[in-house]
Each structure stands twice: as structure tokens, then as C-alpha cells.
Full PDB file with SEQRES, HELIX, SHEET, SSBOND, CRYST1, ORIGX, SCALE, CONECT and MASTER records, all heavy atoms in Angstrom:
SEQRES   1 A   32  ALA GLY ASP LEU PRO GLY ALA VAL GLN ALA LEU PRO HIS          
SEQRES   2 A   32  THR ASP SER THR SER VAL VAL TRP GLN PRO LEU SER THR          
SEQRES   3 A   32  GLN ARG GLU GLN LEU VAL                                      
HELIX    1 AA1 SER A   16  SER A   18  5                                   3    
CRYST1    1.000    1.000    1.000  90.00  90.00  90.00 P 1           1          
ORIGX1      1.000000  0.000000  0.000000        0.00000                         
ORIGX2      0.000000  1.000000  0.000000        0.00000                         
ORIGX3      0.000000  0.000000  1.000000        0.00000                         
SCALE1      1.000000  0.000000  0.000000        0.00000                         
SCALE2      0.000000  1.000000  0.000000        0.00000                         
SCALE3      0.000000  0.000000  1.000000        0.00000                         
ATOM      1  N   ALA A   1     123.785 201.004 196.364  1.00  0.00           N  
ATOM      2  CA  ALA A   1     124.303 200.756 195.015  1.00  0.00           C  
ATOM      3  C   ALA A   1     123.425 199.725 194.303  1.00  0.00           C  
ATOM      4  O   ALA A   1     122.841 198.857 194.935  1.00  0.00           O  
ATOM      5  CB  ALA A   1     125.749 200.247 195.075  1.00  0.00           C  
ATOM      6  N   GLY A   2     123.329 199.851 192.972  1.00  0.00           N  
ATOM      7  CA  GLY A   2     122.553 198.909 192.184  1.00  0.00           C  
ATOM      8  C   GLY A   2     121.146 199.360 191.925  1.00  0.00           C  
ATOM      9  O   GLY A   2     120.878 200.531 191.664  1.00  0.00           O  
ATOM     10  N   ASP A   3     120.204 198.412 192.042  1.00  0.00           N  
ATOM     11  CA  ASP A   3     118.800 198.678 191.712  1.00  0.00           C  
ATOM     12  C   ASP A   3     118.031 199.213 192.914  1.00  0.00           C  
ATOM     13  O   ASP A   3     116.983 198.654 193.309  1.00  0.00           O  
ATOM     14  CB  ASP A   3     118.145 197.387 191.183  1.00  0.00           C  
ATOM     15  CG  ASP A   3     118.858 196.843 189.960  1.00  0.00           C  
ATOM     16  OD1 ASP A   3     119.448 197.642 189.209  1.00  0.00           O  
ATOM     17  OD2 ASP A   3     118.831 195.619 189.771  1.00  0.00           O  
ATOM     18  N   LEU A   4     118.543 200.263 193.521  1.00  0.00           N  
ATOM     19  CA  LEU A   4     117.903 200.879 194.668  1.00  0.00           C  
ATOM     20  C   LEU A   4     117.778 202.387 194.439  1.00  0.00           C  
ATOM     21  O   LEU A   4     118.556 202.966 193.649  1.00  0.00           O  
ATOM     22  CB  LEU A   4     118.742 200.644 195.951  1.00  0.00           C  
ATOM     23  CG  LEU A   4     118.897 199.185 196.399  1.00  0.00           C  
ATOM     24  CD1 LEU A   4     119.863 199.076 197.562  1.00  0.00           C  
ATOM     25  CD2 LEU A   4     117.535 198.594 196.768  1.00  0.00           C  
ATOM     26  N   PRO A   5     116.831 203.035 195.064  1.00  0.00           N  
ATOM     27  CA  PRO A   5     116.644 204.491 194.840  1.00  0.00           C  
ATOM     28  C   PRO A   5     117.845 205.298 195.301  1.00  0.00           C  
ATOM     29  O   PRO A   5     118.410 205.064 196.368  1.00  0.00           O  
ATOM     30  CB  PRO A   5     115.395 204.823 195.681  1.00  0.00           C  
ATOM     31  CG  PRO A   5     115.293 203.708 196.677  1.00  0.00           C  
ATOM     32  CD  PRO A   5     115.827 202.499 195.996  1.00  0.00           C  
ATOM     33  N   GLY A   6     118.273 206.257 194.437  1.00  0.00           N  
ATOM     34  CA  GLY A   6     119.378 207.128 194.764  1.00  0.00           C  
ATOM     35  C   GLY A   6     120.703 206.394 194.874  1.00  0.00           C  
ATOM     36  O   GLY A   6     121.622 206.864 195.575  1.00  0.00           O  
ATOM     37  N   ALA A   7     120.853 205.260 194.197  1.00  0.00           N  
ATOM     38  CA  ALA A   7     122.004 204.387 194.360  1.00  0.00           C  
ATOM     39  C   ALA A   7     123.162 204.773 193.452  1.00  0.00           C  
ATOM     40  O   ALA A   7     122.991 205.342 192.375  1.00  0.00           O  
ATOM     41  CB  ALA A   7     121.598 202.929 194.089  1.00  0.00           C  
ATOM     42  N   VAL A   8     124.397 204.427 193.909  1.00  0.00           N  
ATOM     43  CA  VAL A   8     125.576 204.513 193.080  1.00  0.00           C  
ATOM     44  C   VAL A   8     125.420 203.551 191.895  1.00  0.00           C  
ATOM     45  O   VAL A   8     124.925 202.430 192.043  1.00  0.00           O  
ATOM     46  CB  VAL A   8     126.843 204.135 193.905  1.00  0.00           C  
ATOM     47  CG1 VAL A   8     128.069 204.019 192.993  1.00  0.00           C  
ATOM     48  CG2 VAL A   8     127.062 205.135 195.005  1.00  0.00           C  
ATOM     49  N   GLN A   9     125.817 203.998 190.720  1.00  0.00           N  
ATOM     50  CA  GLN A   9     125.741 203.184 189.500  1.00  0.00           C  
ATOM     51  C   GLN A   9     127.145 203.034 188.905  1.00  0.00           C  
ATOM     52  O   GLN A   9     128.012 203.857 189.147  1.00  0.00           O  
ATOM     53  CB  GLN A   9     124.793 203.814 188.474  1.00  0.00           C  
ATOM     54  CG  GLN A   9     123.392 204.029 188.944  1.00  0.00           C  
ATOM     55  CD  GLN A   9     122.674 202.722 189.265  1.00  0.00           C  
ATOM     56  OE1 GLN A   9     122.900 201.697 188.597  1.00  0.00           O  
ATOM     57  NE2 GLN A   9     121.802 202.753 190.269  1.00  0.00           N  
ATOM     58  N   ALA A  10     127.333 201.988 188.124  1.00  0.00           N  
ATOM     59  CA  ALA A  10     128.609 201.806 187.442  1.00  0.00           C  
ATOM     60  C   ALA A  10     128.856 202.978 186.507  1.00  0.00           C  
ATOM     61  O   ALA A  10     127.917 203.544 185.915  1.00  0.00           O  
ATOM     62  CB  ALA A  10     128.582 200.501 186.629  1.00  0.00           C  
ATOM     63  N   LEU A  11     130.108 203.374 186.378  1.00  0.00           N  
ATOM     64  CA  LEU A  11     130.451 204.457 185.446  1.00  0.00           C  
ATOM     65  C   LEU A  11     130.055 204.049 184.032  1.00  0.00           C  
ATOM     66  O   LEU A  11     130.148 202.885 183.662  1.00  0.00           O  
ATOM     67  CB  LEU A  11     131.959 204.748 185.490  1.00  0.00           C  
ATOM     68  CG  LEU A  11     132.501 205.284 186.823  1.00  0.00           C  
ATOM     69  CD1 LEU A  11     134.007 205.511 186.702  1.00  0.00           C  
ATOM     70  CD2 LEU A  11     131.790 206.537 187.247  1.00  0.00           C  
ATOM     71  N   PRO A  12     129.597 204.994 183.225  1.00  0.00           N  
ATOM     72  CA  PRO A  12     129.181 204.629 181.852  1.00  0.00           C  
ATOM     73  C   PRO A  12     130.319 204.091 181.000  1.00  0.00           C  
ATOM     74  O   PRO A  12     130.121 203.216 180.156  1.00  0.00           O  
ATOM     75  CB  PRO A  12     128.628 205.945 181.286  1.00  0.00           C  
ATOM     76  CG  PRO A  12     129.119 207.011 182.171  1.00  0.00           C  
ATOM     77  CD  PRO A  12     129.358 206.405 183.520  1.00  0.00           C  
ATOM     78  N   HIS A  13     131.530 204.612 181.215  1.00  0.00           N  
ATOM     79  CA  HIS A  13     132.680 204.153 180.435  1.00  0.00           C  
ATOM     80  C   HIS A  13     133.925 204.166 181.293  1.00  0.00           C  
ATOM     81  O   HIS A  13     134.153 205.104 182.054  1.00  0.00           O  
ATOM     82  CB  HIS A  13     132.914 205.038 179.204  1.00  0.00           C  
ATOM     83  CG  HIS A  13     131.746 205.103 178.269  1.00  0.00           C  
ATOM     84  ND1 HIS A  13     131.386 204.057 177.477  1.00  0.00           N  
ATOM     85  CD2 HIS A  13     130.827 206.104 178.058  1.00  0.00           C  
ATOM     86  CE1 HIS A  13     130.293 204.400 176.780  1.00  0.00           C  
ATOM     87  NE2 HIS A  13     129.942 205.631 177.118  1.00  0.00           N  
ATOM     88  N   THR A  14     134.696 203.111 181.202  1.00  0.00           N  
ATOM     89  CA  THR A  14     135.998 203.040 181.872  1.00  0.00           C  
ATOM     90  C   THR A  14     136.916 202.159 181.015  1.00  0.00           C  
ATOM     91  O   THR A  14     136.499 201.106 180.526  1.00  0.00           O  
ATOM     92  CB  THR A  14     135.894 202.415 183.275  1.00  0.00           C  
ATOM     93  OG1 THR A  14     135.126 203.298 184.111  1.00  0.00           O  
ATOM     94  CG2 THR A  14     137.248 202.243 183.921  1.00  0.00           C  
ATOM     95  N   ASP A  15     138.153 202.610 180.867  1.00  0.00           N  
ATOM     96  CA  ASP A  15     139.127 201.784 180.189  1.00  0.00           C  
ATOM     97  C   ASP A  15     139.586 200.711 181.156  1.00  0.00           C  
ATOM     98  O   ASP A  15     140.396 200.969 182.063  1.00  0.00           O  
ATOM     99  CB  ASP A  15     140.316 202.652 179.735  1.00  0.00           C  
ATOM    100  CG  ASP A  15     141.391 201.820 179.040  1.00  0.00           C  
ATOM    101  OD1 ASP A  15     141.151 200.613 178.778  1.00  0.00           O  
ATOM    102  OD2 ASP A  15     142.458 202.376 178.770  1.00  0.00           O  
ATOM    103  N   SER A  16     139.057 199.477 181.008  1.00  0.00           N  
ATOM    104  CA  SER A  16     139.341 198.435 181.969  1.00  0.00           C  
ATOM    105  C   SER A  16     140.825 198.064 182.003  1.00  0.00           C  
ATOM    106  O   SER A  16     141.333 197.592 183.025  1.00  0.00           O  
ATOM    107  CB  SER A  16     138.516 197.187 181.666  1.00  0.00           C  
ATOM    108  OG  SER A  16     138.786 196.711 180.372  1.00  0.00           O  
ATOM    109  N   THR A  17     141.528 198.322 180.900  1.00  0.00           N  
ATOM    110  CA  THR A  17     142.969 197.992 180.884  1.00  0.00           C  
ATOM    111  C   THR A  17     143.757 198.931 181.770  1.00  0.00           C  
ATOM    112  O   THR A  17     144.915 198.649 182.117  1.00  0.00           O  
ATOM    113  CB  THR A  17     143.505 198.046 179.451  1.00  0.00           C  
ATOM    114  OG1 THR A  17     143.332 199.386 178.946  1.00  0.00           O  
ATOM    115  CG2 THR A  17     142.786 197.074 178.555  1.00  0.00           C  
ATOM    116  N   SER A  18     143.154 200.067 182.151  1.00  0.00           N  
ATOM    117  CA  SER A  18     143.854 201.011 183.020  1.00  0.00           C  
ATOM    118  C   SER A  18     143.793 200.631 184.484  1.00  0.00           C  
ATOM    119  O   SER A  18     144.502 201.202 185.320  1.00  0.00           O  
ATOM    120  CB  SER A  18     143.295 202.423 182.845  1.00  0.00           C  
ATOM    121  OG  SER A  18     141.947 202.482 183.336  1.00  0.00           O  
ATOM    122  N   VAL A  19     142.939 199.643 184.809  1.00  0.00           N  
ATOM    123  CA  VAL A  19     142.811 199.191 186.191  1.00  0.00           C  
ATOM    124  C   VAL A  19     143.764 198.045 186.433  1.00  0.00           C  
ATOM    125  O   VAL A  19     143.712 197.014 185.720  1.00  0.00           O  
ATOM    126  CB  VAL A  19     141.369 198.716 186.493  1.00  0.00           C  
ATOM    127  CG1 VAL A  19     141.279 198.237 187.936  1.00  0.00           C  
ATOM    128  CG2 VAL A  19     140.381 199.852 186.257  1.00  0.00           C  
ATOM    129  N   VAL A  20     144.684 198.200 187.353  1.00  0.00           N  
ATOM    130  CA  VAL A  20     145.616 197.128 187.711  1.00  0.00           C  
ATOM    131  C   VAL A  20     145.046 196.421 188.941  1.00  0.00           C  
ATOM    132  O   VAL A  20     145.060 196.959 190.058  1.00  0.00           O  
ATOM    133  CB  VAL A  20     147.022 197.702 188.006  1.00  0.00           C  
ATOM    134  CG1 VAL A  20     147.963 196.553 188.398  1.00  0.00           C  
ATOM    135  CG2 VAL A  20     147.552 198.453 186.796  1.00  0.00           C  
ATOM    136  N   TRP A  21     144.517 195.235 188.706  1.00  0.00           N  
ATOM    137  CA  TRP A  21     143.855 194.516 189.789  1.00  0.00           C  
ATOM    138  C   TRP A  21     144.888 193.907 190.731  1.00  0.00           C  
ATOM    139  O   TRP A  21     145.743 193.143 190.301  1.00  0.00           O  
ATOM    140  CB  TRP A  21     142.973 193.412 189.250  1.00  0.00           C  
ATOM    141  CG  TRP A  21     141.852 193.884 188.359  1.00  0.00           C  
ATOM    142  CD1 TRP A  21     141.738 193.714 187.018  1.00  0.00           C  
ATOM    143  CD2 TRP A  21     140.656 194.603 188.780  1.00  0.00           C  
ATOM    144  NE1 TRP A  21     140.580 194.270 186.538  1.00  0.00           N  
ATOM    145  CE2 TRP A  21     139.897 194.821 187.601  1.00  0.00           C  
ATOM    146  CE3 TRP A  21     140.200 195.067 189.990  1.00  0.00           C  
ATOM    147  CZ2 TRP A  21     138.679 195.481 187.612  1.00  0.00           C  
ATOM    148  CZ3 TRP A  21     138.985 195.739 190.010  1.00  0.00           C  
ATOM    149  CH2 TRP A  21     138.235 195.941 188.844  1.00  0.00           C  
ATOM    150  N   GLN A  22     144.805 194.250 191.998  1.00  0.00           N  
ATOM    151  CA  GLN A  22     145.643 193.652 193.037  1.00  0.00           C  
ATOM    152  C   GLN A  22     144.858 192.565 193.744  1.00  0.00           C  
ATOM    153  O   GLN A  22     143.629 192.620 193.811  1.00  0.00           O  
ATOM    154  CB  GLN A  22     146.096 194.714 194.035  1.00  0.00           C  
ATOM    155  CG  GLN A  22     146.899 195.849 193.447  1.00  0.00           C  
ATOM    156  CD  GLN A  22     148.219 195.373 192.881  1.00  0.00           C  
ATOM    157  OE1 GLN A  22     148.837 194.417 193.379  1.00  0.00           O  
ATOM    158  NE2 GLN A  22     148.679 196.012 191.797  1.00  0.00           N  
ATOM    159  N   PRO A  23     145.534 191.531 194.280  1.00  0.00           N  
ATOM    160  CA  PRO A  23     144.802 190.513 195.050  1.00  0.00           C  
ATOM    161  C   PRO A  23     144.041 191.168 196.197  1.00  0.00           C  
ATOM    162  O   PRO A  23     144.524 192.098 196.844  1.00  0.00           O  
ATOM    163  CB  PRO A  23     145.920 189.591 195.558  1.00  0.00           C  
ATOM    164  CG  PRO A  23     147.027 189.775 194.578  1.00  0.00           C  
ATOM    165  CD  PRO A  23     146.962 191.215 194.142  1.00  0.00           C  
ATOM    166  N   LEU A  24     142.850 190.628 196.477  1.00  0.00           N  
ATOM    167  CA  LEU A  24     142.057 191.149 197.587  1.00  0.00           C  
ATOM    168  C   LEU A  24     142.693 190.776 198.910  1.00  0.00           C  
ATOM    169  O   LEU A  24     143.279 189.691 199.080  1.00  0.00           O  
ATOM    170  CB  LEU A  24     140.648 190.564 197.524  1.00  0.00           C  
ATOM    171  CG  LEU A  24     139.745 191.075 196.405  1.00  0.00           C  
ATOM    172  CD1 LEU A  24     138.526 190.165 196.239  1.00  0.00           C  
ATOM    173  CD2 LEU A  24     139.307 192.511 196.673  1.00  0.00           C  
ATOM    174  N   SER A  25     142.580 191.674 199.885  1.00  0.00           N  
ATOM    175  CA  SER A  25     143.013 191.396 201.251  1.00  0.00           C  
ATOM    176  C   SER A  25     141.868 190.637 201.939  1.00  0.00           C  
ATOM    177  O   SER A  25     140.802 191.197 202.141  1.00  0.00           O  
ATOM    178  CB  SER A  25     143.329 192.689 201.994  1.00  0.00           C  
ATOM    179  OG  SER A  25     143.606 192.412 203.359  1.00  0.00           O  
ATOM    180  N   THR A  26     142.113 189.392 202.273  1.00  0.00           N  
ATOM    181  CA  THR A  26     141.010 188.542 202.743  1.00  0.00           C  
ATOM    182  C   THR A  26     140.725 188.638 204.234  1.00  0.00           C  
ATOM    183  O   THR A  26     139.781 188.007 204.718  1.00  0.00           O  
ATOM    184  CB  THR A  26     141.294 187.067 202.390  1.00  0.00           C  
ATOM    185  OG1 THR A  26     142.503 186.656 203.057  1.00  0.00           O  
ATOM    186  CG2 THR A  26     141.444 186.899 200.885  1.00  0.00           C  
ATOM    187  N   GLN A  27     141.533 189.389 204.991  1.00  0.00           N  
ATOM    188  CA  GLN A  27     141.360 189.446 206.438  1.00  0.00           C  
ATOM    189  C   GLN A  27     140.395 190.542 206.868  1.00  0.00           C  
ATOM    190  O   GLN A  27     140.130 190.711 208.055  1.00  0.00           O  
ATOM    191  CB  GLN A  27     142.708 189.666 207.118  1.00  0.00           C  
ATOM    192  CG  GLN A  27     143.671 188.506 206.908  1.00  0.00           C  
ATOM    193  CD  GLN A  27     143.074 187.173 207.397  1.00  0.00           C  
ATOM    194  OE1 GLN A  27     142.651 187.074 208.543  1.00  0.00           O  
ATOM    195  NE2 GLN A  27     143.025 186.192 206.521  1.00  0.00           N  
ATOM    196  N   ARG A  28     139.858 191.307 205.938  1.00  0.00           N  
ATOM    197  CA  ARG A  28     138.939 192.394 206.278  1.00  0.00           C  
ATOM    198  C   ARG A  28     137.499 191.921 206.226  1.00  0.00           C  
ATOM    199  O   ARG A  28     137.127 191.079 205.388  1.00  0.00           O  
ATOM    200  CB  ARG A  28     139.119 193.565 205.299  1.00  0.00           C  
ATOM    201  CG  ARG A  28     140.505 194.185 205.311  1.00  0.00           C  
ATOM    202  CD  ARG A  28     140.588 195.310 204.297  1.00  0.00           C  
ATOM    203  NE  ARG A  28     139.579 196.334 204.554  1.00  0.00           N  
ATOM    204  CZ  ARG A  28     139.337 197.354 203.725  1.00  0.00           C  
ATOM    205  NH1 ARG A  28     140.012 197.475 202.589  1.00  0.00           N  
ATOM    206  NH2 ARG A  28     138.411 198.253 204.033  1.00  0.00           N  
ATOM    207  N   GLU A  29     136.669 192.464 207.104  1.00  0.00           N  
ATOM    208  CA  GLU A  29     135.235 192.208 207.047  1.00  0.00           C  
ATOM    209  C   GLU A  29     134.654 193.081 205.947  1.00  0.00           C  
ATOM    210  O   GLU A  29     134.566 194.308 206.090  1.00  0.00           O  
ATOM    211  CB  GLU A  29     134.584 192.520 208.383  1.00  0.00           C  
ATOM    212  CG  GLU A  29     134.953 191.526 209.483  1.00  0.00           C  
ATOM    213  CD  GLU A  29     134.281 191.840 210.812  1.00  0.00           C  
ATOM    214  OE1 GLU A  29     133.923 193.018 211.038  1.00  0.00           O  
ATOM    215  OE2 GLU A  29     134.115 190.921 211.643  1.00  0.00           O  
ATOM    216  N   GLN A  30     134.250 192.460 204.836  1.00  0.00           N  
ATOM    217  CA  GLN A  30     133.743 193.220 203.700  1.00  0.00           C  
ATOM    218  C   GLN A  30     132.391 192.730 203.212  1.00  0.00           C  
ATOM    219  O   GLN A  30     131.944 193.097 202.126  1.00  0.00           O  
ATOM    220  CB  GLN A  30     134.741 193.186 202.552  1.00  0.00           C  
ATOM    221  CG  GLN A  30     135.961 194.094 202.781  1.00  0.00           C  
ATOM    222  CD  GLN A  30     136.804 194.269 201.518  1.00  0.00           C  
ATOM    223  OE1 GLN A  30     137.789 193.555 201.336  1.00  0.00           O  
ATOM    224  NE2 GLN A  30     136.417 195.208 200.652  1.00  0.00           N  
ATOM    225  N   LEU A  31     131.715 191.923 204.039  1.00  0.00           N  
ATOM    226  CA  LEU A  31     130.363 191.500 203.679  1.00  0.00           C  
ATOM    227  C   LEU A  31     129.511 191.433 204.946  1.00  0.00           C  
ATOM    228  O   LEU A  31     129.958 190.931 205.975  1.00  0.00           O  
ATOM    229  CB  LEU A  31     130.377 190.126 203.011  1.00  0.00           C  
ATOM    230  CG  LEU A  31     128.990 189.695 202.485  1.00  0.00           C  
ATOM    231  CD1 LEU A  31     128.633 190.462 201.204  1.00  0.00           C  
ATOM    232  CD2 LEU A  31     128.935 188.187 202.237  1.00  0.00           C  
ATOM    233  N   VAL A  32     128.301 191.945 204.851  1.00  0.00           N  
ATOM    234  CA  VAL A  32     127.328 191.875 205.941  1.00  0.00           C  
ATOM    235  C   VAL A  32     126.061 191.231 205.373  1.00  0.00           C  
ATOM    236  O   VAL A  32     125.481 191.726 204.414  1.00  0.00           O  
ATOM    237  CB  VAL A  32     127.006 193.242 206.533  1.00  0.00           C  
ATOM    238  CG1 VAL A  32     126.003 193.104 207.696  1.00  0.00           C  
ATOM    239  CG2 VAL A  32     128.270 193.930 207.013  1.00  0.00           C  
TER     240      VAL A  32                                                      
MASTER        0    0    0    1    0    0    0    6  239    1    0    3          
END                                                                             
């Protein structure tokens, strides 16, 4: 994802108000 070849990119348009942000679950391994 990001500035890499063949990477996932952010959607061109999204209604941000339609996203209901829930608190992150902090007990998961989500970074390497």
C-alpha cells in the first residue's frame, strides 16, 4: 500500500461521514 509498485491506494472519493469510527482494539498485533 502507498508509494510502492502495484500497491493499494486510497479510494478517490468516500463520504467520510458515512464511516462510524469505533475505538481500536489495542490487544491485537497490528504493526511489524
